[in-house]
N, C-alpha and C. Protein backbone atom coordinates (compact mmCIF):
# COMPACT_ATOMS: atom_id res chain seq x y z
N MET A 1 -30.08 4.82 -18.04
CA MET A 1 -28.78 3.79 -18.30
C MET A 1 -27.39 4.56 -18.19
N PRO A 2 -27.34 5.90 -18.84
CA PRO A 2 -25.89 6.25 -18.57
C PRO A 2 -25.39 6.78 -17.16
N THR A 3 -26.60 7.08 -16.35
CA THR A 3 -26.14 7.29 -14.88
C THR A 3 -25.77 5.82 -14.02
N LEU A 4 -26.41 4.87 -14.82
CA LEU A 4 -25.82 3.66 -14.09
C LEU A 4 -24.15 3.25 -14.56
N PHE A 5 -24.00 3.26 -15.73
CA PHE A 5 -22.73 3.43 -16.05
C PHE A 5 -21.90 4.35 -15.39
N ARG A 6 -22.39 5.38 -15.08
CA ARG A 6 -21.38 6.57 -14.52
C ARG A 6 -20.90 5.85 -13.02
N PHE A 7 -22.00 5.65 -12.44
CA PHE A 7 -22.12 5.00 -11.01
C PHE A 7 -21.05 3.68 -10.79
N LEU A 8 -21.31 2.96 -11.84
CA LEU A 8 -20.44 1.83 -12.03
C LEU A 8 -19.05 1.76 -12.19
N ALA A 9 -18.80 3.21 -12.91
CA ALA A 9 -17.34 3.76 -13.28
C ALA A 9 -16.62 4.17 -12.25
N VAL A 10 -17.45 5.13 -11.44
CA VAL A 10 -17.08 5.73 -10.14
C VAL A 10 -16.72 4.61 -9.15
N LEU A 11 -17.81 3.72 -9.07
CA LEU A 11 -17.17 2.71 -8.06
C LEU A 11 -16.01 1.59 -8.21
N GLY A 12 -15.99 1.49 -9.37
CA GLY A 12 -14.88 0.52 -10.11
C GLY A 12 -13.46 1.38 -9.95
N THR A 13 -13.50 2.84 -10.11
CA THR A 13 -12.42 3.63 -9.80
C THR A 13 -12.06 3.70 -8.57
N ILE A 14 -13.36 4.01 -7.64
CA ILE A 14 -12.76 3.90 -6.16
C ILE A 14 -12.37 2.39 -5.51
N ALA A 15 -12.73 1.34 -6.27
CA ALA A 15 -12.16 0.07 -5.78
C ALA A 15 -10.85 -0.02 -6.24
N GLY A 16 -10.56 0.25 -7.21
CA GLY A 16 -9.00 0.43 -8.05
C GLY A 16 -7.92 1.36 -7.14
N VAL A 17 -8.53 2.23 -6.53
CA VAL A 17 -7.62 3.04 -6.06
C VAL A 17 -7.18 2.38 -4.55
N VAL A 18 -8.45 1.74 -4.23
CA VAL A 18 -8.28 1.06 -2.78
C VAL A 18 -7.44 -0.06 -2.83
N ALA A 19 -7.63 -0.71 -3.89
CA ALA A 19 -6.95 -2.01 -4.06
C ALA A 19 -5.55 -1.71 -4.25
N GLY A 20 -5.03 -0.69 -5.12
CA GLY A 20 -3.98 -0.36 -5.32
C GLY A 20 -3.07 0.14 -4.30
N SER A 21 -3.97 1.09 -3.46
CA SER A 21 -3.49 1.45 -1.86
C SER A 21 -2.76 0.22 -1.04
N LEU A 22 -3.68 -0.47 -1.11
CA LEU A 22 -3.41 -1.78 -0.30
C LEU A 22 -2.21 -2.71 -0.89
N TYR A 23 -2.19 -2.59 -2.06
CA TYR A 23 -1.02 -3.58 -2.75
C TYR A 23 0.33 -2.72 -2.50
N VAL A 24 0.39 -1.19 -2.54
CA VAL A 24 1.56 -0.66 -2.30
C VAL A 24 1.99 -0.37 -0.76
N LEU A 25 0.90 -0.45 -0.06
CA LEU A 25 1.01 -0.81 1.39
C LEU A 25 1.76 -2.02 1.79
N ALA A 26 1.36 -3.17 1.11
CA ALA A 26 1.71 -4.45 1.56
C ALA A 26 2.90 -4.72 0.93
N GLU A 27 3.44 -4.26 -0.28
CA GLU A 27 4.79 -4.67 -0.75
C GLU A 27 5.40 -3.54 -0.22
N TYR A 28 5.42 -2.30 0.23
CA TYR A 28 6.60 -1.57 0.25
C TYR A 28 6.86 -0.99 1.52
N PHE A 29 5.91 -1.41 2.43
CA PHE A 29 6.03 -0.89 4.02
C PHE A 29 6.15 -2.26 4.59
N GLN A 30 7.08 -2.44 5.33
CA GLN A 30 6.84 -3.40 6.59
C GLN A 30 7.10 -3.04 7.72
N PRO A 31 6.08 -3.47 8.83
CA PRO A 31 6.08 -3.25 10.14
C PRO A 31 7.61 -3.35 11.03
N GLU A 32 7.56 -2.60 11.77
CA GLU A 32 8.94 -2.69 12.59
C GLU A 32 8.55 -3.91 14.08
N PRO A 33 9.06 -4.94 13.78
CA PRO A 33 8.88 -6.07 14.75
C PRO A 33 9.43 -5.42 16.29
N LYS A 34 8.52 -5.54 17.25
CA LYS A 34 8.70 -5.11 18.52
C LYS A 34 8.28 -6.12 19.28
N GLU A 35 8.52 -6.33 20.67
CA GLU A 35 8.16 -7.17 21.56
C GLU A 35 7.03 -6.84 22.63
N ILE A 36 5.99 -7.49 22.92
CA ILE A 36 5.08 -6.77 23.41
C ILE A 36 4.82 -7.71 24.51
N SER A 37 4.54 -7.16 25.96
CA SER A 37 4.31 -8.01 26.96
C SER A 37 3.07 -7.09 28.15
N LYS A 38 2.10 -8.03 28.42
CA LYS A 38 1.05 -7.45 29.21
C LYS A 38 1.20 -8.50 30.37
N ALA A 39 0.88 -7.76 31.46
CA ALA A 39 0.62 -8.33 32.70
C ALA A 39 -0.48 -8.98 32.78
N LEU A 40 -0.69 -10.25 33.12
CA LEU A 40 -2.08 -10.92 33.29
C LEU A 40 -2.58 -11.10 34.86
N ARG A 41 -3.87 -10.36 35.10
CA ARG A 41 -4.25 -10.76 36.43
C ARG A 41 -4.52 -12.05 36.94
N ASN A 42 -4.22 -12.28 38.17
CA ASN A 42 -4.62 -13.79 38.90
C ASN A 42 -4.05 -14.74 38.24
N VAL A 43 -2.67 -14.49 37.64
CA VAL A 43 -1.75 -15.51 37.04
C VAL A 43 -0.42 -15.33 37.77
N LYS A 44 0.11 -16.63 38.08
CA LYS A 44 1.53 -16.53 39.02
C LYS A 44 2.39 -17.47 38.52
N ALA A 45 3.67 -17.17 37.97
CA ALA A 45 4.52 -17.65 37.61
C ALA A 45 5.51 -18.42 38.73
N HIS A 46 5.43 -19.72 38.49
CA HIS A 46 6.30 -20.92 39.37
C HIS A 46 7.07 -21.31 38.64
N PRO A 47 8.43 -21.69 39.39
CA PRO A 47 9.47 -22.39 38.58
C PRO A 47 9.06 -23.61 38.11
N HIS A 48 9.34 -24.35 37.20
CA HIS A 48 9.25 -25.15 36.22
C HIS A 48 10.15 -26.31 37.27
N GLU A 49 9.59 -27.26 37.94
CA GLU A 49 10.32 -28.10 38.52
C GLU A 49 11.16 -29.48 37.48
N ASP A 50 12.16 -29.11 36.94
CA ASP A 50 12.77 -30.39 36.37
C ASP A 50 14.21 -30.71 36.84
N THR A 51 14.17 -31.93 37.20
CA THR A 51 15.31 -32.60 37.88
C THR A 51 16.25 -33.16 36.97
N ALA A 52 15.56 -33.64 35.66
CA ALA A 52 16.41 -34.45 34.70
C ALA A 52 17.53 -33.56 34.04
N SER A 53 17.22 -32.29 33.63
CA SER A 53 18.17 -31.59 32.99
C SER A 53 18.73 -30.49 34.16
N THR A 54 20.05 -30.77 34.48
CA THR A 54 20.74 -29.39 35.35
C THR A 54 21.38 -28.68 34.67
N THR A 55 21.63 -28.64 33.50
CA THR A 55 22.69 -27.51 32.69
C THR A 55 21.87 -26.49 32.45
N ALA A 56 20.42 -26.81 31.97
CA ALA A 56 19.84 -25.57 31.40
C ALA A 56 18.89 -25.15 32.42
N PRO A 57 18.62 -23.63 32.68
CA PRO A 57 17.91 -23.13 33.74
C PRO A 57 16.40 -23.54 33.53
N ALA A 58 15.87 -23.35 34.68
CA ALA A 58 14.58 -23.77 34.53
C ALA A 58 13.47 -22.47 34.26
N GLU A 59 12.38 -23.36 33.02
CA GLU A 59 11.78 -22.06 32.80
C GLU A 59 10.57 -22.08 33.54
N PRO A 60 9.94 -20.64 33.79
CA PRO A 60 8.55 -20.93 34.67
C PRO A 60 7.56 -21.38 34.23
N ALA A 61 6.88 -21.86 35.11
CA ALA A 61 5.44 -22.48 34.56
C ALA A 61 4.39 -21.61 35.15
N ILE A 62 3.43 -21.39 34.07
CA ILE A 62 2.41 -20.30 34.44
C ILE A 62 1.42 -21.05 34.67
N THR A 63 0.67 -20.78 35.65
CA THR A 63 -0.50 -21.47 36.32
C THR A 63 -1.64 -20.15 36.55
N ALA A 64 -2.90 -20.87 36.57
CA ALA A 64 -3.91 -19.70 37.02
C ALA A 64 -4.49 -20.35 38.42
N PRO A 65 -5.06 -19.58 39.20
CA PRO A 65 -5.62 -20.16 40.37
C PRO A 65 -6.53 -20.93 40.01
N PRO A 66 -6.95 -21.87 41.13
CA PRO A 66 -7.91 -23.14 40.86
C PRO A 66 -9.18 -23.01 39.92
N SER A 67 -9.83 -21.93 40.34
CA SER A 67 -10.91 -21.21 40.01
C SER A 67 -11.14 -20.98 38.47
N HIS A 68 -9.86 -20.83 37.96
CA HIS A 68 -9.75 -20.27 36.45
C HIS A 68 -9.22 -21.75 35.39
N ARG A 69 -8.89 -22.57 36.33
CA ARG A 69 -8.28 -23.61 35.59
C ARG A 69 -9.50 -24.48 34.54
N ALA A 70 -9.14 -24.79 33.26
CA ALA A 70 -9.78 -25.57 32.48
C ALA A 70 -10.17 -27.00 32.85
N GLN A 71 -11.34 -27.27 32.93
CA GLN A 71 -12.15 -28.43 33.55
C GLN A 71 -12.20 -29.67 32.30
């Protein structure tokens, strides 16, 4: 029985250290926000045709080839 208590105490200590480490990482360290862009294969950007608003620049509409469109 003493070995079971020792085993549980060691597991509890390890769990406490891991939980404390995660708490410190979550509270005191913030990731740097950065922009990520990745090229997509078989996707072409076409200008969005919007004749209603002439003051704002048109946003590109991203379309996939006909074989990859959702049905």
